[in-house]
Amino acid sequence: MRHLSLALFALAALVVLPVSAAAQQPFGDYVIHHGTMLTANLNPEVAREYNIQRSDHRGLVTVAVRKNTGDGASEAVRADVRAVAVNLSAQRRELTMQEVDEGEAIYYLADFRIDPPETVRIELHVQPKGSKDVHVFEVSREFYAE
């Protein structure tokens, strides 16, 4: 059940573009997948399982790191993931990333308060386990209540 819930969660967070924003960042032998969405758009069972409050006033950021293994294949890897949410007033909020390990999939999740309509810039610092390098990048998302 947990694996199915996470698969549904990943699908909602990283595929449904009208309600979420998803992208990927190449980083050497790694690809960092990231997405943002309103927590109100989460399936209630998934939100309950991961203790995420569903609300039009909460955003969610998801991060997953995959290492290229050759021949187009990749594998999930653990990472140290730090995230900071910054609004247009330059208020900074350090986000606590929760690791979810499903074996073949490892995700990092954090939710945060928003006041729609609000533009939030998320600063991400991602260091795959075993790598000395940290990939730092930003994503920006405008959140609207639905």
N, C-alpha and C. Protein backbone atom coordinates (compact mmCIF):
# COMPACT_ATOMS: atom_id res chain seq x y z
N MET A 1 0.83 -1.19 0.00
CA MET A 1 0.00 0.00 0.00
C MET A 1 0.87 1.25 0.00
N ARG A 2 1.93 1.22 0.83
CA ARG A 2 2.78 2.39 0.92
C ARG A 2 3.42 2.69 -0.43
N HIS A 3 3.89 1.64 -1.13
CA HIS A 3 4.53 1.83 -2.42
C HIS A 3 3.54 2.40 -3.43
N LEU A 4 2.31 1.89 -3.41
CA LEU A 4 1.28 2.38 -4.32
C LEU A 4 0.95 3.84 -4.00
N SER A 5 0.85 4.18 -2.71
CA SER A 5 0.55 5.55 -2.32
C SER A 5 1.63 6.50 -2.81
N LEU A 6 2.89 6.10 -2.63
CA LEU A 6 3.97 6.97 -3.07
C LEU A 6 3.99 7.09 -4.58
N ALA A 7 3.69 6.02 -5.27
CA ALA A 7 3.64 6.10 -6.73
C ALA A 7 2.56 7.08 -7.15
N LEU A 8 1.41 7.03 -6.51
CA LEU A 8 0.34 7.99 -6.82
C LEU A 8 0.77 9.40 -6.46
N PHE A 9 1.46 9.53 -5.32
CA PHE A 9 1.95 10.85 -4.90
C PHE A 9 2.94 11.41 -5.92
N ALA A 10 3.88 10.58 -6.34
CA ALA A 10 4.88 11.04 -7.30
C ALA A 10 4.21 11.44 -8.61
N LEU A 11 3.23 10.67 -9.01
CA LEU A 11 2.51 11.00 -10.22
C LEU A 11 1.82 12.35 -10.08
N ALA A 12 1.17 12.57 -8.94
CA ALA A 12 0.48 13.84 -8.73
C ALA A 12 1.46 15.00 -8.64
N ALA A 13 2.57 14.79 -7.96
CA ALA A 13 3.50 15.88 -7.73
C ALA A 13 4.37 16.20 -8.94
N LEU A 14 4.68 15.21 -9.75
CA LEU A 14 5.66 15.44 -10.79
C LEU A 14 5.13 15.31 -12.22
N VAL A 15 3.86 14.98 -12.38
CA VAL A 15 3.34 14.82 -13.73
C VAL A 15 2.21 15.78 -14.04
N VAL A 16 1.32 16.03 -13.10
CA VAL A 16 0.14 16.83 -13.36
C VAL A 16 0.53 18.31 -13.38
N LEU A 17 0.95 18.78 -14.52
CA LEU A 17 1.49 20.14 -14.64
C LEU A 17 0.53 21.27 -14.34
N PRO A 18 -0.78 21.17 -14.61
CA PRO A 18 -1.63 22.29 -14.26
C PRO A 18 -1.65 22.60 -12.76
N VAL A 19 -1.50 21.59 -11.91
CA VAL A 19 -1.53 21.83 -10.47
C VAL A 19 -0.16 21.70 -9.82
N SER A 20 0.83 21.32 -10.58
CA SER A 20 2.16 21.20 -10.03
C SER A 20 3.17 21.69 -11.06
N ALA A 21 4.35 21.97 -10.59
CA ALA A 21 5.44 22.34 -11.49
C ALA A 21 6.55 21.33 -11.26
N ALA A 22 6.96 20.64 -12.32
CA ALA A 22 7.98 19.61 -12.19
C ALA A 22 9.07 19.85 -13.21
N ALA A 23 10.27 19.48 -12.83
CA ALA A 23 11.40 19.66 -13.74
C ALA A 23 12.54 18.75 -13.29
N GLN A 24 13.61 18.79 -14.04
CA GLN A 24 14.80 18.05 -13.64
C GLN A 24 16.03 18.88 -13.94
N GLN A 25 17.06 18.63 -13.15
CA GLN A 25 18.35 19.32 -13.28
C GLN A 25 19.43 18.27 -13.48
N PRO A 26 20.12 18.27 -14.64
CA PRO A 26 21.26 17.37 -14.79
C PRO A 26 22.42 17.87 -13.92
N PHE A 27 23.16 16.95 -13.34
CA PHE A 27 24.26 17.30 -12.43
C PHE A 27 25.30 16.19 -12.51
N GLY A 28 26.23 16.31 -13.45
CA GLY A 28 27.24 15.27 -13.63
C GLY A 28 26.58 13.96 -14.00
N ASP A 29 26.85 12.90 -13.20
CA ASP A 29 26.25 11.58 -13.43
C ASP A 29 24.86 11.47 -12.83
N TYR A 30 24.33 12.56 -12.29
CA TYR A 30 23.05 12.53 -11.58
C TYR A 30 22.01 13.38 -12.31
N VAL A 31 20.75 13.06 -12.03
CA VAL A 31 19.64 13.89 -12.45
C VAL A 31 18.80 14.15 -11.21
N ILE A 32 18.55 15.43 -10.94
CA ILE A 32 17.75 15.81 -9.77
C ILE A 32 16.36 16.17 -10.27
N HIS A 33 15.37 15.41 -9.83
CA HIS A 33 13.97 15.67 -10.18
C HIS A 33 13.35 16.47 -9.05
N HIS A 34 12.63 17.52 -9.38
CA HIS A 34 12.01 18.34 -8.34
C HIS A 34 10.65 18.83 -8.81
N GLY A 35 9.78 19.06 -7.85
CA GLY A 35 8.44 19.54 -8.17
C GLY A 35 7.85 20.31 -7.02
N THR A 36 6.85 21.13 -7.34
CA THR A 36 6.13 21.89 -6.32
C THR A 36 4.64 21.79 -6.61
N MET A 37 3.84 21.91 -5.56
CA MET A 37 2.40 21.88 -5.73
C MET A 37 1.73 22.37 -4.46
N LEU A 38 0.44 22.67 -4.55
CA LEU A 38 -0.37 22.93 -3.36
C LEU A 38 -0.67 21.59 -2.69
N THR A 39 -0.61 21.55 -1.37
CA THR A 39 -0.91 20.30 -0.69
C THR A 39 -2.40 19.95 -0.80
N ALA A 40 -3.25 20.93 -1.11
CA ALA A 40 -4.68 20.66 -1.30
C ALA A 40 -4.91 19.68 -2.44
N ASN A 41 -3.97 19.58 -3.37
CA ASN A 41 -4.11 18.69 -4.51
C ASN A 41 -3.65 17.26 -4.25
N LEU A 42 -3.13 17.01 -3.06
CA LEU A 42 -2.72 15.64 -2.71
C LEU A 42 -3.94 14.76 -2.45
N ASN A 43 -3.82 13.50 -2.79
CA ASN A 43 -4.81 12.51 -2.43
C ASN A 43 -4.87 12.47 -0.90
N PRO A 44 -6.06 12.48 -0.29
CA PRO A 44 -6.16 12.48 1.18
C PRO A 44 -5.41 11.33 1.86
N GLU A 45 -5.43 10.14 1.26
CA GLU A 45 -4.72 9.00 1.85
C GLU A 45 -3.21 9.23 1.85
N VAL A 46 -2.70 9.78 0.77
CA VAL A 46 -1.26 10.05 0.67
C VAL A 46 -0.87 11.11 1.69
N ALA A 47 -1.66 12.17 1.78
CA ALA A 47 -1.36 13.24 2.74
C ALA A 47 -1.34 12.69 4.17
N ARG A 48 -2.29 11.85 4.48
CA ARG A 48 -2.37 11.26 5.83
C ARG A 48 -1.15 10.37 6.09
N GLU A 49 -0.79 9.56 5.10
CA GLU A 49 0.33 8.63 5.27
C GLU A 49 1.64 9.36 5.54
N TYR A 50 1.83 10.51 4.92
CA TYR A 50 3.09 11.24 5.09
C TYR A 50 2.95 12.44 6.02
N ASN A 51 1.81 12.49 6.72
CA ASN A 51 1.57 13.54 7.71
C ASN A 51 1.70 14.94 7.10
N ILE A 52 1.07 15.13 5.95
CA ILE A 52 1.09 16.42 5.26
C ILE A 52 -0.31 17.00 5.31
N GLN A 53 -0.42 18.21 5.80
CA GLN A 53 -1.72 18.89 5.88
C GLN A 53 -2.16 19.35 4.50
N ARG A 54 -3.34 18.92 4.07
CA ARG A 54 -3.90 19.36 2.78
C ARG A 54 -4.51 20.74 2.97
N SER A 55 -4.06 21.71 2.14
CA SER A 55 -4.55 23.07 2.29
C SER A 55 -4.19 23.90 1.07
N ASP A 56 -5.04 24.88 0.76
CA ASP A 56 -4.71 25.87 -0.28
C ASP A 56 -3.65 26.85 0.22
N HIS A 57 -3.30 26.75 1.51
CA HIS A 57 -2.31 27.65 2.11
C HIS A 57 -1.03 26.93 2.50
N ARG A 58 -0.79 25.77 1.87
CA ARG A 58 0.46 25.05 2.10
C ARG A 58 1.01 24.58 0.76
N GLY A 59 2.29 24.81 0.57
CA GLY A 59 2.98 24.32 -0.62
C GLY A 59 3.78 23.09 -0.27
N LEU A 60 4.16 22.34 -1.30
CA LEU A 60 4.96 21.13 -1.11
C LEU A 60 6.07 21.13 -2.14
N VAL A 61 7.27 20.83 -1.70
CA VAL A 61 8.39 20.65 -2.62
C VAL A 61 8.84 19.19 -2.52
N THR A 62 9.11 18.57 -3.67
CA THR A 62 9.59 17.20 -3.72
C THR A 62 10.90 17.16 -4.49
N VAL A 63 11.81 16.32 -4.03
CA VAL A 63 13.12 16.16 -4.67
C VAL A 63 13.45 14.68 -4.71
N ALA A 64 13.97 14.22 -5.84
CA ALA A 64 14.47 12.85 -5.96
C ALA A 64 15.75 12.92 -6.78
N VAL A 65 16.74 12.12 -6.41
CA VAL A 65 18.02 12.10 -7.10
C VAL A 65 18.24 10.71 -7.69
N ARG A 66 18.60 10.68 -8.96
CA ARG A 66 18.88 9.42 -9.64
C ARG A 66 20.27 9.51 -10.26
N LYS A 67 21.00 8.41 -10.18
CA LYS A 67 22.34 8.33 -10.77
C LYS A 67 22.26 7.54 -12.06
N ASN A 68 22.82 8.11 -13.13
CA ASN A 68 22.87 7.40 -14.40
C ASN A 68 23.82 6.22 -14.27
N THR A 69 23.34 5.04 -14.70
CA THR A 69 24.15 3.83 -14.59
C THR A 69 24.57 3.30 -15.95
N GLY A 70 24.24 4.01 -17.02
CA GLY A 70 24.61 3.59 -18.37
C GLY A 70 23.43 2.97 -19.10
N ASP A 71 23.52 2.98 -20.41
CA ASP A 71 22.47 2.42 -21.26
C ASP A 71 21.10 3.02 -20.98
N GLY A 72 21.07 4.29 -20.57
CA GLY A 72 19.80 4.97 -20.32
C GLY A 72 19.16 4.62 -19.00
N ALA A 73 19.77 3.75 -18.22
CA ALA A 73 19.21 3.35 -16.93
C ALA A 73 19.71 4.29 -15.83
N SER A 74 18.98 4.30 -14.72
CA SER A 74 19.39 5.09 -13.56
C SER A 74 18.90 4.40 -12.30
N GLU A 75 19.48 4.80 -11.17
CA GLU A 75 19.07 4.23 -9.89
C GLU A 75 18.90 5.36 -8.88
N ALA A 76 17.98 5.16 -7.96
CA ALA A 76 17.75 6.13 -6.89
C ALA A 76 18.94 6.16 -5.96
N VAL A 77 19.32 7.35 -5.53
CA VAL A 77 20.40 7.49 -4.55
C VAL A 77 19.96 8.43 -3.44
N ARG A 78 20.52 8.19 -2.27
CA ARG A 78 20.28 9.09 -1.14
C ARG A 78 21.05 10.39 -1.39
N ALA A 79 20.62 11.43 -0.71
CA ALA A 79 21.29 12.72 -0.84
C ALA A 79 21.07 13.54 0.41
N ASP A 80 21.94 14.48 0.64
CA ASP A 80 21.70 15.51 1.64
C ASP A 80 21.00 16.62 0.89
N VAL A 81 19.77 16.93 1.29
CA VAL A 81 18.97 17.93 0.61
C VAL A 81 18.59 19.01 1.61
N ARG A 82 18.96 20.23 1.29
CA ARG A 82 18.56 21.40 2.08
C ARG A 82 17.72 22.28 1.20
N ALA A 83 16.70 22.89 1.79
CA ALA A 83 15.82 23.77 1.02
C ALA A 83 15.44 24.97 1.87
N VAL A 84 15.38 26.12 1.21
CA VAL A 84 14.95 27.36 1.84
C VAL A 84 13.89 27.98 0.94
N ALA A 85 12.75 28.33 1.54
CA ALA A 85 11.68 29.01 0.80
C ALA A 85 11.81 30.51 1.07
N VAL A 86 11.75 31.31 -0.01
CA VAL A 86 11.90 32.76 0.10
C VAL A 86 10.72 33.40 -0.63
N ASN A 87 10.00 34.29 0.07
CA ASN A 87 8.88 34.96 -0.60
C ASN A 87 9.35 36.29 -1.19
N LEU A 88 8.44 37.03 -1.83
CA LEU A 88 8.81 38.29 -2.48
C LEU A 88 9.22 39.37 -1.49
N SER A 89 8.89 39.20 -0.21
CA SER A 89 9.33 40.15 0.83
C SER A 89 10.68 39.76 1.40
N ALA A 90 11.33 38.77 0.80
CA ALA A 90 12.64 38.27 1.19
C ALA A 90 12.62 37.56 2.55
N GLN A 91 11.45 37.12 2.99
CA GLN A 91 11.37 36.33 4.20
C GLN A 91 11.83 34.91 3.87
N ARG A 92 12.79 34.41 4.66
CA ARG A 92 13.39 33.10 4.40
C ARG A 92 12.89 32.09 5.43
N ARG A 93 12.55 30.90 4.95
CA ARG A 93 12.12 29.82 5.83
C ARG A 93 12.90 28.57 5.47
N GLU A 94 13.69 28.10 6.41
CA GLU A 94 14.41 26.83 6.23
C GLU A 94 13.38 25.71 6.27
N LEU A 95 13.41 24.82 5.27
CA LEU A 95 12.46 23.73 5.20
C LEU A 95 13.10 22.45 5.72
N THR A 96 12.32 21.67 6.46
CA THR A 96 12.79 20.39 6.96
C THR A 96 12.38 19.32 5.97
N MET A 97 13.37 18.74 5.30
CA MET A 97 13.10 17.73 4.29
C MET A 97 12.94 16.36 4.95
N GLN A 98 11.87 15.67 4.60
CA GLN A 98 11.57 14.33 5.10
C GLN A 98 11.99 13.33 4.03
N GLU A 99 12.81 12.35 4.40
CA GLU A 99 13.21 11.31 3.45
C GLU A 99 12.17 10.18 3.45
N VAL A 100 11.79 9.77 2.26
CA VAL A 100 10.89 8.63 2.07
C VAL A 100 11.64 7.63 1.21
N ASP A 101 11.94 6.47 1.77
CA ASP A 101 12.71 5.44 1.05
C ASP A 101 11.79 4.29 0.70
N GLU A 102 11.57 4.11 -0.59
CA GLU A 102 10.73 3.03 -1.09
C GLU A 102 11.57 1.96 -1.77
N GLY A 103 12.86 1.93 -1.50
CA GLY A 103 13.75 0.94 -2.12
C GLY A 103 14.21 1.41 -3.48
N GLU A 104 13.37 1.24 -4.50
CA GLU A 104 13.75 1.68 -5.84
C GLU A 104 13.48 3.16 -6.07
N ALA A 105 12.87 3.82 -5.10
CA ALA A 105 12.61 5.26 -5.18
C ALA A 105 12.89 5.89 -3.83
N ILE A 106 13.61 6.99 -3.84
CA ILE A 106 13.90 7.74 -2.63
C ILE A 106 13.50 9.18 -2.91
N TYR A 107 12.62 9.72 -2.05
CA TYR A 107 12.10 11.07 -2.23
C TYR A 107 12.41 11.90 -1.00
N TYR A 108 12.49 13.20 -1.20
CA TYR A 108 12.62 14.16 -0.11
C TYR A 108 11.47 15.14 -0.24
N LEU A 109 10.73 15.34 0.85
CA LEU A 109 9.53 16.16 0.83
C LEU A 109 9.58 17.20 1.94
N ALA A 110 9.01 18.36 1.67
CA ALA A 110 8.81 19.37 2.71
C ALA A 110 7.59 20.20 2.34
N ASP A 111 6.78 20.50 3.34
CA ASP A 111 5.67 21.41 3.09
C ASP A 111 5.92 22.71 3.84
N PHE A 112 5.23 23.75 3.40
CA PHE A 112 5.48 25.08 3.96
C PHE A 112 4.25 25.95 3.78
N ARG A 113 4.11 26.93 4.65
CA ARG A 113 2.96 27.84 4.63
C ARG A 113 3.12 28.83 3.49
N ILE A 114 2.00 29.11 2.82
CA ILE A 114 1.95 30.14 1.78
C ILE A 114 0.67 30.95 1.97
N ASP A 115 0.63 32.11 1.34
CA ASP A 115 -0.54 32.98 1.38
C ASP A 115 -0.91 33.35 -0.05
N PRO A 116 -1.62 32.47 -0.76
CA PRO A 116 -1.92 32.70 -2.18
C PRO A 116 -2.72 33.99 -2.40
N PRO A 117 -2.54 34.65 -3.51
CA PRO A 117 -1.51 34.33 -4.51
C PRO A 117 -0.14 34.76 -4.00
N GLU A 118 0.82 33.88 -4.11
CA GLU A 118 2.17 34.16 -3.60
C GLU A 118 3.21 33.49 -4.48
N THR A 119 4.26 34.23 -4.77
CA THR A 119 5.40 33.68 -5.49
C THR A 119 6.45 33.27 -4.47
N VAL A 120 6.89 32.04 -4.56
CA VAL A 120 7.90 31.52 -3.64
C VAL A 120 9.07 31.01 -4.46
N ARG A 121 10.26 31.43 -4.05
CA ARG A 121 11.49 30.93 -4.65
C ARG A 121 12.06 29.90 -3.68
N ILE A 122 12.40 28.73 -4.20
CA ILE A 122 12.96 27.68 -3.35
C ILE A 122 14.40 27.46 -3.74
N GLU A 123 15.29 27.68 -2.78
CA GLU A 123 16.72 27.45 -2.98
C GLU A 123 17.00 26.01 -2.56
N LEU A 124 17.55 25.23 -3.47
CA LEU A 124 17.85 23.83 -3.18
C LEU A 124 19.35 23.59 -3.22
N HIS A 125 19.83 22.85 -2.23
CA HIS A 125 21.23 22.42 -2.13
C HIS A 125 21.19 20.91 -2.05
N VAL A 126 21.69 20.24 -3.08
CA VAL A 126 21.58 18.79 -3.16
C VAL A 126 22.98 18.19 -3.32
N GLN A 127 23.34 17.30 -2.37
CA GLN A 127 24.61 16.60 -2.43
C GLN A 127 24.34 15.10 -2.40
N PRO A 128 24.46 14.44 -3.56
CA PRO A 128 24.24 12.99 -3.58
C PRO A 128 25.26 12.30 -2.67
N LYS A 129 24.81 11.25 -1.97
CA LYS A 129 25.72 10.48 -1.12
C LYS A 129 26.85 9.94 -1.98
N GLY A 130 28.08 10.07 -1.47
CA GLY A 130 29.25 9.60 -2.20
C GLY A 130 29.85 10.66 -3.10
N SER A 131 29.18 11.79 -3.25
CA SER A 131 29.70 12.87 -4.09
C SER A 131 30.23 13.99 -3.19
N LYS A 132 31.32 14.60 -3.61
CA LYS A 132 31.86 15.74 -2.88
C LYS A 132 31.21 17.04 -3.31
N ASP A 133 30.50 16.99 -4.43
CA ASP A 133 29.92 18.20 -5.01
C ASP A 133 28.49 18.42 -4.53
N VAL A 134 28.16 19.71 -4.38
CA VAL A 134 26.81 20.12 -4.02
C VAL A 134 26.24 20.89 -5.21
N HIS A 135 25.07 20.49 -5.66
CA HIS A 135 24.40 21.19 -6.75
C HIS A 135 23.42 22.18 -6.13
N VAL A 136 23.61 23.46 -6.41
CA VAL A 136 22.76 24.51 -5.85
C VAL A 136 21.99 25.15 -7.00
N PHE A 137 20.67 25.22 -6.84
CA PHE A 137 19.83 25.85 -7.86
C PHE A 137 18.55 26.36 -7.21
N GLU A 138 17.82 27.16 -7.95
CA GLU A 138 16.58 27.74 -7.45
C GLU A 138 15.44 27.39 -8.39
N VAL A 139 14.25 27.26 -7.80
CA VAL A 139 13.03 27.14 -8.58
C VAL A 139 12.06 28.18 -8.04
N SER A 140 11.27 28.73 -8.92
CA SER A 140 10.29 29.73 -8.51
C SER A 140 8.91 29.24 -8.89
N ARG A 141 7.96 29.47 -8.01
CA ARG A 141 6.59 29.00 -8.26
C ARG A 141 5.61 30.03 -7.77
N GLU A 142 4.63 30.33 -8.58
CA GLU A 142 3.54 31.20 -8.15
C GLU A 142 2.37 30.30 -7.74
N PHE A 143 1.97 30.41 -6.50
CA PHE A 143 0.89 29.58 -5.96
C PHE A 143 -0.42 30.37 -5.96
N TYR A 144 -1.48 29.72 -6.41
CA TYR A 144 -2.83 30.28 -6.39
C TYR A 144 -3.72 29.31 -5.65
N ALA A 145 -4.63 29.85 -4.84
CA ALA A 145 -5.63 28.99 -4.20
C ALA A 145 -6.58 28.47 -5.27
N GLU A 146 -7.01 27.25 -5.12
CA GLU A 146 -7.87 26.64 -6.15
C GLU A 146 -9.32 26.68 -5.73
